[in-house]
Amino acid sequence: MVGGGIAGLAAAAALAERGVAVTVLEREEQVGGRLRGWPTTLRDGSRVTMSRGFHAFFRQYYNLRALLRRADPGLDALAPLPDYPLVHAGGARDGFTGLPPAPPWNAFALAARSPSFPVRELARVNTAAAAQLLDVDVPGVYARLDRVAAPDLLEAVRFPASARHLAFEVFSRSFFADPRHLSAAELAVMFHIYFLGSAEGLLFDVPRAPFPRALWDPLADRLRGLGVWVRTGARVEGIAAESPASGAGPRFAVWAAGERHACDAVVLAADVAGLRALAERMEGADPAWLGRLKRLPSAPPFLVSRLWLDRPVAPSRPGFLGTAGFPTLDNVSVLDRFEDEAAAWAARTGGSVVELHAYALPAGSDERAERARLLAQLHRVYPETARAGVVDERHELRADCPLFPPGGFTERATVRTPDPGIAVAGDHVRVDLPVALMERAATSGFLAANTLLAGWGLPGHPVWTVPRRGRLAPARAYARWARSGAERRNDG
């Protein structure tokens, strides 16, 4: 297993539970991938955990939750947040609590109560174009919409500008990409996952403790109990396919941390940058396939700034706030509202722990300048923080998330590869199911394991998703009618 993030841990668990001997090789000192955490000491002497930032565990993440249940059957490590409030720089606010759970009434209720959906603008919506959001089927929607940019679809729909900025911009930037560089198919699938395809809505849970203690340490212990060898600090230096003279024996050699590991199969569960690097160091694999891996795109840089402040933010501030219309600020988290380590520090010092995210920064951005911009925007959103002193701070500027640009679907890596002994997993992988983000990582990990297990004649594991197509038959029928009408007009 190359990579100890969500995808790698899911594949390792699925294989080990079927009696397969598994070694996980993780380049970092901790497992968890982009959700790992590591210890650091603040200037006041406090030992705390830093990470790459807040993540929302949506309730449609069935396979991720199934993975976590291996070590935490009741998911006691997760706590619900009461709302997912959104605020625009111009003052508009929205939230998702209190909506009816069943589609399509959840979407209708949101539009009816939200100030971002003015009636006069809703009357202008192009219903024929909007119907494409009601007829999502995976993977068919990619054939229809993948070459369209997300904002172009919303423009065709004549979606209200206020709702476009406040809602869809926030969600599309959760892919760490500028909406202009996001496939409209991904936007449509996201709309399906959270609204018309499921009844769980947009409320979510968060870990009660830092990621290692809440999630990954217990899961790693569970894997070790199944016989999995978890090696951290083991960067993979090369992979070679071998052909034993006898026709039997290990098919691959993997070099990591100066050691050679012989194995019958390999799951490549690295991030995009890591996968591109591995493709440069693989021997004996299909050249065309390796070439595709080397061309996988990465999303622009993003910045996470975590601040330990010497005074609390206002009691009314939510644990998480999505923002839109600001120069770079995409969300604000008040960690001491839900994470026990941050809460203990805040209680002891009288301060607060605040985290800021800026997605899709321009390439080559100056980190110090971006930190200052984020802080200024925090002061605008939460004015009381302008009077707070910064006890300490940590910043993470990274550029290793996947990008899903228009027209890129057919070029994505797939779980299956030209070599039946190699599978690929990760949140960048093409999965012909309605999944995204962390759930795509977990789903692809289980699918990679199932692919190898099938080759060995062993049973696989169930994989769950929201329905693969729109749940409302009349809406699907109308969408197909509207689409065929548009095609006839274009032909004419």
Protein backbone atom coordinates (compact mmCIF):
# COMPACT_ATOMS: atom_id res chain seq x y z
CA MET A 1 0.00 0.00 0.00
CA VAL A 2 1.68 3.21 -1.17
CA GLY A 3 0.10 5.94 0.94
CA GLY A 4 -1.52 5.99 4.36
CA GLY A 5 -4.28 8.50 3.74
CA ILE A 6 -7.99 7.78 3.65
CA ALA A 7 -7.78 5.80 0.40
CA GLY A 8 -4.79 3.75 1.50
CA LEU A 9 -6.24 2.97 4.92
CA ALA A 10 -9.57 1.95 3.35
CA ALA A 11 -7.82 -0.41 0.93
CA ALA A 12 -5.61 -1.80 3.71
CA ALA A 13 -8.60 -2.50 5.97
CA ALA A 14 -10.58 -4.17 3.18
CA LEU A 15 -7.67 -6.40 2.17
CA ALA A 16 -6.62 -7.32 5.69
CA GLU A 17 -10.18 -8.28 6.61
CA ARG A 18 -10.02 -10.91 3.86
CA GLY A 19 -6.78 -12.36 5.21
CA VAL A 20 -4.38 -10.56 2.87
CA ALA A 21 -0.98 -9.60 4.32
CA VAL A 22 -0.67 -5.81 3.91
CA THR A 23 2.15 -3.32 4.34
CA VAL A 24 1.28 0.40 4.38
CA LEU A 25 4.14 2.69 3.32
CA GLU A 26 3.49 6.31 4.29
CA ARG A 27 6.04 9.02 3.54
CA GLU A 28 4.98 11.28 6.44
CA GLU A 29 5.52 10.49 10.12
CA GLN A 30 1.77 10.16 10.65
CA VAL A 31 -1.02 8.41 8.78
CA GLY A 32 -4.12 10.27 7.64
CA GLY A 33 -2.84 11.84 4.43
CA ARG A 34 -4.12 15.37 4.02
CA LEU A 35 -6.03 14.88 7.28
CA ARG A 36 -3.00 13.93 9.32
CA GLY A 37 -1.95 15.91 12.38
CA TRP A 38 1.41 16.50 14.04
CA PRO A 39 2.57 17.87 17.39
CA THR A 40 3.92 21.38 17.82
CA THR A 41 4.78 23.60 20.79
CA LEU A 42 3.41 27.13 21.09
CA ARG A 43 5.37 30.06 22.45
CA ASP A 44 3.49 29.76 25.74
CA GLY A 45 4.80 26.21 26.12
CA SER A 46 1.51 24.48 25.21
CA ARG A 47 1.81 21.22 23.30
CA VAL A 48 -0.86 21.20 20.60
CA THR A 49 -1.68 19.44 17.34
CA MET A 50 -1.42 21.17 13.99
CA SER A 51 -3.03 19.91 10.79
CA ARG A 52 -3.89 21.08 7.31
CA GLY A 53 -7.21 22.34 8.48
CA PHE A 54 -10.90 21.85 9.04
CA HIS A 55 -12.77 19.08 7.21
CA ALA A 56 -16.52 18.45 7.22
CA PHE A 57 -17.68 14.85 7.60
CA PHE A 58 -20.96 14.97 5.71
CA ARG A 59 -23.54 12.33 6.49
CA GLN A 60 -23.60 11.15 2.86
CA TYR A 61 -20.04 9.91 3.33
CA TYR A 62 -21.23 6.33 3.82
CA ASN A 63 -17.96 4.59 2.93
CA LEU A 64 -15.74 6.96 4.90
CA ARG A 65 -17.98 6.41 7.90
CA ALA A 66 -17.85 2.66 7.34
CA LEU A 67 -14.06 2.88 7.45
CA LEU A 68 -14.07 4.88 10.69
CA ARG A 69 -16.56 2.45 12.25
CA ARG A 70 -13.89 -0.24 12.06
CA ALA A 71 -12.30 1.39 15.10
CA ASP A 72 -15.20 3.49 16.40
CA PRO A 73 -18.48 1.57 15.86
CA GLY A 74 -20.67 4.34 17.24
CA LEU A 75 -18.73 7.17 15.57
CA ASP A 76 -18.40 8.69 19.02
CA ALA A 77 -15.36 10.65 17.84
CA LEU A 78 -17.61 12.81 15.65
CA ALA A 79 -19.82 15.63 16.88
CA PRO A 80 -22.57 17.38 14.90
CA LEU A 81 -22.39 21.08 14.14
CA PRO A 82 -25.83 22.68 14.41
CA ASP A 83 -25.65 24.66 11.16
CA TYR A 84 -23.60 25.40 8.07
CA PRO A 85 -23.97 29.19 7.88
CA LEU A 86 -22.80 31.13 4.85
CA VAL A 87 -22.16 34.86 4.69
CA HIS A 88 -21.45 37.08 1.71
CA ALA A 89 -19.19 40.12 1.92
CA GLY A 90 -22.20 42.22 0.93
CA GLY A 91 -24.09 41.11 4.04
CA ALA A 92 -26.35 38.32 2.78
CA ARG A 93 -26.54 35.26 5.04
CA ASP A 94 -27.83 31.74 4.60
CA GLY A 95 -27.95 28.47 6.50
CA PHE A 96 -29.05 24.90 6.09
CA THR A 97 -30.49 23.94 9.44
CA GLY A 98 -34.19 23.19 9.71
CA LEU A 99 -34.67 22.14 6.08
CA PRO A 100 -36.92 19.14 5.36
CA PRO A 101 -34.75 16.08 4.77
CA ALA A 102 -36.47 14.62 1.70
CA PRO A 103 -35.62 15.79 -1.81
CA PRO A 104 -36.79 17.81 -3.66
CA TRP A 105 -38.52 19.60 -0.77
CA ASN A 106 -35.15 20.42 0.81
CA ALA A 107 -34.07 22.37 -2.27
CA PHE A 108 -37.49 24.04 -2.64
CA ALA A 109 -37.53 25.06 1.04
CA LEU A 110 -34.03 26.52 0.78
CA ALA A 111 -35.00 28.59 -2.25
CA ALA A 112 -38.24 29.73 -0.61
CA ARG A 113 -36.70 30.95 2.62
CA SER A 114 -33.33 32.19 1.41
CA PRO A 115 -32.76 35.89 0.66
CA SER A 116 -30.27 34.72 -1.98
CA PHE A 117 -33.12 33.44 -4.18
CA PRO A 118 -35.25 36.54 -4.95
CA VAL A 119 -38.55 35.67 -6.59
CA ARG A 120 -38.08 38.09 -9.46
CA GLU A 121 -34.79 36.41 -10.41
CA LEU A 122 -36.12 32.89 -9.97
CA ALA A 123 -38.75 33.75 -12.56
CA ARG A 124 -35.94 34.30 -15.09
CA VAL A 125 -34.39 30.86 -14.60
CA ASN A 126 -33.95 28.86 -17.80
CA THR A 127 -35.87 25.76 -16.76
CA ALA A 128 -34.65 23.70 -19.72
CA ALA A 129 -31.03 24.31 -18.74
CA ALA A 130 -31.78 23.93 -15.03
CA ALA A 131 -33.32 20.54 -15.73
CA GLN A 132 -29.81 19.20 -16.28
CA LEU A 133 -29.33 19.48 -12.53
CA LEU A 134 -32.38 17.27 -12.04
CA ASP A 135 -31.23 14.52 -14.42
CA VAL A 136 -27.85 13.66 -12.95
CA ASP A 137 -26.72 10.14 -13.72
CA VAL A 138 -23.19 8.92 -13.12
CA PRO A 139 -21.20 8.54 -15.30
CA GLY A 140 -23.60 9.83 -18.01
CA VAL A 141 -23.59 13.39 -16.70
CA TYR A 142 -19.88 13.64 -17.49
CA ALA A 143 -20.52 12.85 -21.14
CA ARG A 144 -22.99 15.76 -21.27
CA LEU A 145 -21.41 18.39 -19.04
CA ASP A 146 -17.75 17.64 -18.38
CA ARG A 147 -16.50 19.95 -21.14
CA VAL A 148 -18.52 22.85 -19.75
CA ALA A 149 -17.10 25.10 -17.01
CA ALA A 150 -19.23 25.35 -13.87
CA PRO A 151 -19.92 29.12 -14.21
CA ASP A 152 -21.01 28.62 -17.83
CA LEU A 153 -23.66 26.14 -16.71
CA LEU A 154 -24.95 28.55 -14.08
CA GLU A 155 -24.98 31.32 -16.68
CA ALA A 156 -27.01 29.14 -19.02
CA VAL A 157 -29.42 28.35 -16.19
CA ARG A 158 -29.63 32.09 -15.39
CA PHE A 159 -29.15 31.15 -11.78
CA PRO A 160 -29.64 34.18 -9.48
CA ALA A 161 -26.32 35.98 -9.06
CA SER A 162 -26.72 36.27 -5.29
CA ALA A 163 -27.31 32.54 -4.90
CA ARG A 164 -24.50 31.77 -7.33
CA HIS A 165 -21.95 33.63 -5.26
CA LEU A 166 -23.21 32.63 -1.85
CA ALA A 167 -23.92 28.95 -2.41
CA PHE A 168 -22.35 27.43 -5.49
CA GLU A 169 -19.14 29.44 -5.28
CA VAL A 170 -18.65 28.24 -1.71
CA PHE A 171 -19.26 24.61 -2.64
CA SER A 172 -17.20 24.65 -5.82
CA ARG A 173 -14.24 26.16 -4.00
CA SER A 174 -14.38 23.23 -1.59
CA PHE A 175 -12.69 21.43 -4.50
CA PHE A 176 -9.74 23.82 -3.93
CA ALA A 177 -10.31 25.28 -7.38
CA ASP A 178 -11.43 28.52 -8.92
CA PRO A 179 -15.01 27.83 -10.10
CA ARG A 180 -13.96 28.87 -13.62
CA HIS A 181 -11.66 25.86 -13.72
CA LEU A 182 -14.15 23.32 -12.39
CA SER A 183 -16.12 20.95 -14.59
CA ALA A 184 -19.85 21.63 -14.67
CA ALA A 185 -20.36 17.89 -14.32
CA GLU A 186 -18.66 17.98 -10.90
CA LEU A 187 -20.95 20.84 -9.89
CA ALA A 188 -24.02 18.91 -11.03
CA VAL A 189 -22.91 15.78 -9.18
CA MET A 190 -22.32 17.85 -6.04
CA PHE A 191 -25.84 19.28 -6.31
CA HIS A 192 -27.14 15.72 -6.66
CA ILE A 193 -25.17 14.39 -3.68
CA TYR A 194 -26.25 17.07 -1.23
CA PHE A 195 -29.75 17.91 -2.40
CA LEU A 196 -31.68 15.86 -4.92
CA GLY A 197 -29.91 12.55 -4.41
CA SER A 198 -29.93 12.23 -0.64
CA ALA A 199 -31.90 13.09 2.46
CA GLU A 200 -28.92 13.92 4.68
CA GLY A 201 -28.67 17.53 3.51
CA LEU A 202 -25.72 19.84 4.11
CA LEU A 203 -25.30 19.49 7.84
CA PHE A 204 -22.21 17.59 8.91
CA ASP A 205 -20.12 16.28 11.78
CA VAL A 206 -16.60 17.18 12.90
CA PRO A 207 -14.02 15.34 15.02
CA ARG A 208 -14.23 16.11 18.73
CA ALA A 209 -10.44 15.83 19.05
CA PRO A 210 -7.46 16.41 16.75
CA PHE A 211 -7.41 14.08 13.76
CA PRO A 212 -4.77 11.64 15.04
CA ARG A 213 -6.40 10.97 18.40
CA ALA A 214 -9.98 11.02 17.10
CA LEU A 215 -9.54 9.06 13.88
CA TRP A 216 -6.22 7.70 12.72
CA ASP A 217 -4.51 6.35 15.83
CA PRO A 218 -7.47 4.09 16.67
CA LEU A 219 -7.80 2.98 13.04
CA ALA A 220 -4.07 2.26 12.75
CA ASP A 221 -4.27 0.19 15.94
CA ARG A 222 -7.20 -1.71 14.45
CA LEU A 223 -5.20 -2.42 11.29
CA ARG A 224 -2.19 -3.59 13.28
CA GLY A 225 -4.52 -5.97 15.11
CA LEU A 226 -5.38 -7.45 11.70
CA GLY A 227 -1.70 -7.96 10.96
CA VAL A 228 -1.15 -4.87 8.84
CA TRP A 229 2.40 -3.50 8.99
CA VAL A 230 2.05 0.31 9.10
CA ARG A 231 5.33 2.02 8.19
CA THR A 232 5.48 5.80 8.55
CA GLY A 233 8.40 7.94 7.43
CA ALA A 234 8.80 5.49 4.52
CA ARG A 235 8.86 7.40 1.24
CA VAL A 236 8.59 5.08 -1.75
CA GLU A 237 11.66 5.50 -3.92
CA GLY A 238 10.79 3.13 -6.74
CA ILE A 239 8.51 0.33 -7.95
CA ALA A 240 9.45 -2.39 -10.41
CA ALA A 241 7.44 -5.21 -11.95
CA GLU A 242 9.28 -8.51 -11.76
CA SER A 243 8.90 -11.81 -13.60
CA PRO A 244 9.97 -14.72 -11.39
CA ALA A 245 11.70 -17.45 -13.37
CA SER A 246 9.46 -20.10 -11.86
CA GLY A 247 6.31 -18.19 -12.73
CA ALA A 248 5.47 -18.00 -9.02
CA GLY A 249 6.50 -15.59 -6.31
CA PRO A 250 6.19 -11.84 -5.74
CA ARG A 251 5.40 -9.82 -8.84
CA PHE A 252 6.60 -6.43 -7.63
CA ALA A 253 9.48 -4.90 -5.74
CA VAL A 254 8.88 -1.65 -3.85
CA TRP A 255 11.78 0.32 -2.40
CA ALA A 256 11.06 2.60 0.54
CA ALA A 257 13.35 4.06 3.22
CA GLY A 258 16.23 1.97 1.93
CA GLU A 259 14.32 -1.32 2.17
CA ARG A 260 13.02 -3.64 -0.53
CA HIS A 261 9.47 -4.94 -0.13
CA ALA A 262 8.39 -7.86 -2.30
CA CYS A 263 4.65 -8.11 -2.97
CA ASP A 264 2.04 -9.68 -5.21
CA ALA A 265 0.10 -6.45 -5.81
CA VAL A 266 0.38 -2.71 -5.24
CA VAL A 267 -2.26 -0.10 -4.46
CA LEU A 268 -1.08 3.37 -5.41
CA ALA A 269 -2.90 5.56 -2.89
CA ALA A 270 -0.70 8.63 -3.15
CA ASP A 271 -1.93 12.16 -3.80
CA VAL A 272 -1.68 13.66 -7.29
CA ALA A 273 1.80 15.06 -6.84
CA GLY A 274 3.01 11.82 -5.27
CA LEU A 275 1.44 9.74 -8.04
CA ARG A 276 3.13 11.83 -10.72
CA ALA A 277 6.45 11.33 -8.95
CA LEU A 278 5.86 7.58 -8.61
CA ALA A 279 5.12 7.36 -12.33
CA GLU A 280 8.61 8.71 -12.98
CA ARG A 281 10.12 5.92 -10.88
CA MET A 282 8.08 2.89 -11.98
CA GLU A 283 9.67 0.21 -14.11
CA GLY A 284 7.92 -2.29 -16.31
CA ALA A 285 4.52 -0.58 -16.38
CA ASP A 286 2.54 0.35 -19.47
CA PRO A 287 4.15 3.52 -20.94
CA ALA A 288 0.86 5.06 -22.10
CA TRP A 289 -0.66 4.59 -18.64
CA LEU A 290 2.40 6.10 -16.95
CA GLY A 291 2.16 9.05 -19.32
CA ARG A 292 -1.42 9.72 -18.22
CA LEU A 293 -0.35 9.67 -14.55
CA LYS A 294 2.40 12.18 -15.25
CA ARG A 295 -0.14 14.58 -16.76
CA LEU A 296 -2.60 14.56 -13.84
CA PRO A 297 -3.36 18.19 -12.88
CA SER A 298 -3.11 19.73 -9.42
CA ALA A 299 -5.35 22.43 -8.00
CA PRO A 300 -3.87 25.86 -7.26
CA PRO A 301 -2.20 26.60 -3.91
CA PHE A 302 -4.30 27.00 -0.78
CA LEU A 303 -3.42 28.52 2.58
CA VAL A 304 -4.50 27.46 6.07
CA SER A 305 -3.77 29.89 8.90
CA ARG A 306 -4.42 28.82 12.49
CA LEU A 307 -4.29 31.53 15.14
CA TRP A 308 -4.18 31.16 18.90
CA LEU A 309 -5.71 34.45 20.13
CA ASP A 310 -5.45 35.99 23.58
CA ARG A 311 -9.19 36.63 23.87
CA PRO A 312 -12.34 34.80 22.78
CA VAL A 313 -14.37 35.54 19.70
CA ALA A 314 -17.98 36.53 20.34
CA PRO A 315 -20.08 33.72 21.87
CA SER A 316 -22.51 33.89 18.95
CA ARG A 317 -19.87 32.87 16.41
CA PRO A 318 -20.47 29.41 14.92
CA GLY A 319 -17.92 26.64 14.88
CA PHE A 320 -17.73 26.94 11.10
CA LEU A 321 -18.65 29.78 8.73
CA GLY A 322 -18.49 29.64 4.94
CA THR A 323 -17.74 32.95 3.24
CA ALA A 324 -18.14 34.34 -0.29
CA GLY A 325 -17.34 37.60 -2.02
CA PHE A 326 -14.16 38.22 -0.01
CA PRO A 327 -10.80 38.63 -1.75
CA THR A 328 -9.39 35.29 -0.55
CA LEU A 329 -11.18 34.16 2.63
CA ASP A 330 -13.28 31.02 2.04
CA ASN A 331 -14.17 29.96 5.58
CA VAL A 332 -13.54 30.56 9.27
CA SER A 333 -13.50 27.88 11.95
CA VAL A 334 -13.52 28.49 15.70
CA LEU A 335 -11.89 25.26 16.79
CA ASP A 336 -12.55 25.69 20.50
CA ARG A 337 -16.27 25.39 19.75
CA PHE A 338 -15.90 21.66 18.98
CA GLU A 339 -12.33 20.32 19.38
CA ASP A 340 -11.37 19.30 22.93
CA GLU A 341 -7.68 20.25 22.67
CA ALA A 342 -8.50 23.76 21.41
CA ALA A 343 -11.29 24.10 23.99
CA ALA A 344 -8.89 23.18 26.80
CA TRP A 345 -6.36 25.76 25.63
CA ALA A 346 -9.07 28.44 25.36
CA ALA A 347 -10.42 27.61 28.83
CA ARG A 348 -6.94 27.76 30.36
CA THR A 349 -5.86 31.01 28.69
CA GLY A 350 -9.14 32.86 28.14
CA GLY A 351 -8.38 32.97 24.43
CA SER A 352 -9.64 31.27 21.29
CA VAL A 353 -8.32 29.14 18.42
CA VAL A 354 -9.36 30.37 14.98
CA GLU A 355 -8.56 28.88 11.59
CA LEU A 356 -8.80 30.58 8.19
CA HIS A 357 -8.82 28.99 4.73
CA ALA A 358 -7.98 30.57 1.37
CA TYR A 359 -8.48 28.28 -1.64
CA ALA A 360 -7.27 28.64 -5.22
CA LEU A 361 -4.61 31.27 -4.66
CA PRO A 362 -2.63 32.45 -7.70
CA ALA A 363 0.49 30.43 -8.43
CA GLY A 364 3.54 32.05 -6.90
CA SER A 365 1.57 33.88 -4.21
CA ASP A 366 3.64 35.48 -1.48
CA GLU A 367 2.81 33.55 1.69
CA ARG A 368 3.44 36.44 4.10
CA ALA A 369 1.24 38.76 2.09
CA GLU A 370 -1.54 36.16 1.91
CA ARG A 371 -1.36 35.60 5.67
CA ALA A 372 -1.82 39.33 6.24
CA ARG A 373 -4.75 39.45 3.81
CA LEU A 374 -6.46 36.59 5.59
CA LEU A 375 -6.04 38.24 8.97
CA ALA A 376 -7.49 41.51 7.65
CA GLN A 377 -10.49 39.64 6.28
CA LEU A 378 -11.00 37.87 9.63
CA HIS A 379 -11.14 41.29 11.29
CA ARG A 380 -13.83 42.28 8.80
CA VAL A 381 -15.93 39.15 9.35
CA TYR A 382 -15.43 39.01 13.14
CA PRO A 383 -14.60 42.61 14.14
CA GLU A 384 -13.85 41.68 17.77
CA THR A 385 -10.75 39.80 16.61
CA ALA A 386 -9.12 43.08 15.56
CA ARG A 387 -8.48 43.76 19.26
CA ALA A 388 -7.03 40.33 19.92
CA GLY A 389 -3.35 39.60 20.23
CA VAL A 390 -1.91 36.58 18.45
CA VAL A 391 -0.30 34.29 21.04
CA ASP A 392 1.03 32.06 18.27
CA GLU A 393 0.25 31.01 14.73
CA ARG A 394 0.85 28.22 12.26
CA HIS A 395 0.44 28.35 8.49
CA GLU A 396 0.27 25.71 5.77
CA LEU A 397 0.64 26.72 2.13
CA ARG A 398 0.15 23.66 -0.09
CA ALA A 399 -0.59 22.81 -3.73
CA ASP A 400 -1.23 19.07 -3.76
CA CYS A 401 -4.99 18.67 -4.21
CA PRO A 402 -6.54 17.30 -7.40
CA LEU A 403 -8.08 19.50 -10.06
CA PHE A 404 -11.19 18.53 -12.05
CA PRO A 405 -11.07 20.91 -15.00
CA PRO A 406 -13.57 21.00 -17.86
CA GLY A 407 -12.87 18.13 -20.22
CA GLY A 408 -10.62 16.26 -17.82
CA PHE A 409 -12.86 13.34 -16.82
CA THR A 410 -11.60 10.89 -19.44
CA GLU A 411 -7.99 11.60 -18.49
CA ARG A 412 -8.38 10.78 -14.81
CA ALA A 413 -6.66 7.81 -13.27
CA THR A 414 -8.96 4.83 -12.78
CA VAL A 415 -8.97 2.18 -10.08
CA ARG A 416 -8.19 -0.53 -12.63
CA THR A 417 -4.93 -0.29 -14.56
CA PRO A 418 -3.37 -2.18 -17.47
CA ASP A 419 -1.64 -4.43 -14.91
CA PRO A 420 -4.11 -6.51 -12.84
CA GLY A 421 -1.65 -6.39 -9.94
CA ILE A 422 -1.75 -2.58 -9.69
CA ALA A 423 -4.74 -0.54 -8.52
CA VAL A 424 -5.06 3.19 -7.90
CA ALA A 425 -7.01 4.92 -5.13
CA GLY A 426 -7.47 8.51 -3.98
CA ASP A 427 -9.77 11.50 -4.14
CA HIS A 428 -8.43 12.24 -7.64
CA VAL A 429 -9.48 8.86 -9.08
CA ARG A 430 -12.33 8.41 -11.52
CA VAL A 431 -15.12 6.61 -9.67
CA ASP A 432 -18.30 6.07 -11.67
CA LEU A 433 -20.43 6.75 -8.63
CA PRO A 434 -21.80 10.01 -7.16
CA VAL A 435 -19.04 10.64 -4.62
CA ALA A 436 -16.64 13.51 -3.98
CA LEU A 437 -13.77 14.68 -1.79
CA MET A 438 -13.05 12.46 1.24
CA GLU A 439 -15.83 10.08 0.26
CA ARG A 440 -14.28 9.57 -3.16
CA ALA A 441 -11.00 8.69 -1.44
CA ALA A 442 -12.62 6.10 0.83
CA THR A 443 -14.78 4.67 -1.96
CA SER A 444 -11.83 4.31 -4.31
CA GLY A 445 -9.85 2.57 -1.57
CA PHE A 446 -12.55 -0.06 -1.11
CA LEU A 447 -12.92 -0.45 -4.88
CA ALA A 448 -9.16 -0.90 -5.30
CA ALA A 449 -9.21 -3.64 -2.67
CA ASN A 450 -12.23 -5.27 -4.30
CA THR A 451 -10.44 -5.28 -7.64
CA LEU A 452 -7.47 -7.17 -6.21
CA LEU A 453 -9.65 -9.49 -4.13
CA ALA A 454 -11.66 -10.48 -7.21
CA GLY A 455 -8.45 -11.42 -8.98
CA TRP A 456 -7.60 -13.75 -6.11
CA GLY A 457 -11.08 -15.28 -5.96
CA LEU A 458 -11.88 -13.63 -2.62
CA PRO A 459 -15.12 -11.81 -1.73
CA GLY A 460 -15.13 -8.03 -1.85
CA HIS A 461 -16.82 -5.44 0.34
CA PRO A 462 -20.07 -3.54 -0.21
CA VAL A 463 -19.82 0.05 -1.40
CA TRP A 464 -22.67 2.48 -0.78
CA THR A 465 -23.56 5.78 -2.42
CA VAL A 466 -26.52 8.05 -2.87
CA PRO A 467 -28.58 6.90 -5.91
CA ARG A 468 -26.58 6.98 -9.14
CA ARG A 469 -29.33 8.95 -10.89
CA GLY A 470 -31.92 11.56 -9.99
CA ARG A 471 -34.59 10.20 -7.69
CA LEU A 472 -37.51 12.02 -9.33
CA ALA A 473 -38.73 10.25 -12.46
CA PRO A 474 -40.90 13.18 -13.70
CA ALA A 475 -37.94 15.55 -13.36
CA ARG A 476 -35.69 13.15 -15.27
CA ALA A 477 -38.27 12.81 -18.02
CA TYR A 478 -38.67 16.58 -18.30
CA ALA A 479 -34.91 17.04 -18.43
CA ARG A 480 -34.56 14.55 -21.27
CA TRP A 481 -37.44 16.20 -23.15
CA ALA A 482 -35.91 19.66 -22.69
CA ARG A 483 -32.48 18.42 -23.76
CA SER A 484 -33.82 16.72 -26.90
CA GLY A 485 -35.74 19.87 -27.77
CA ALA A 486 -32.58 21.96 -27.48
CA GLU A 487 -30.70 19.49 -29.65
CA ARG A 488 -33.42 19.66 -32.32
CA ARG A 489 -33.26 23.44 -32.33
CA ASN A 490 -29.49 23.36 -32.66
CA ASP A 491 -29.71 20.89 -35.55
CA GLY A 492 -32.22 23.10 -37.26
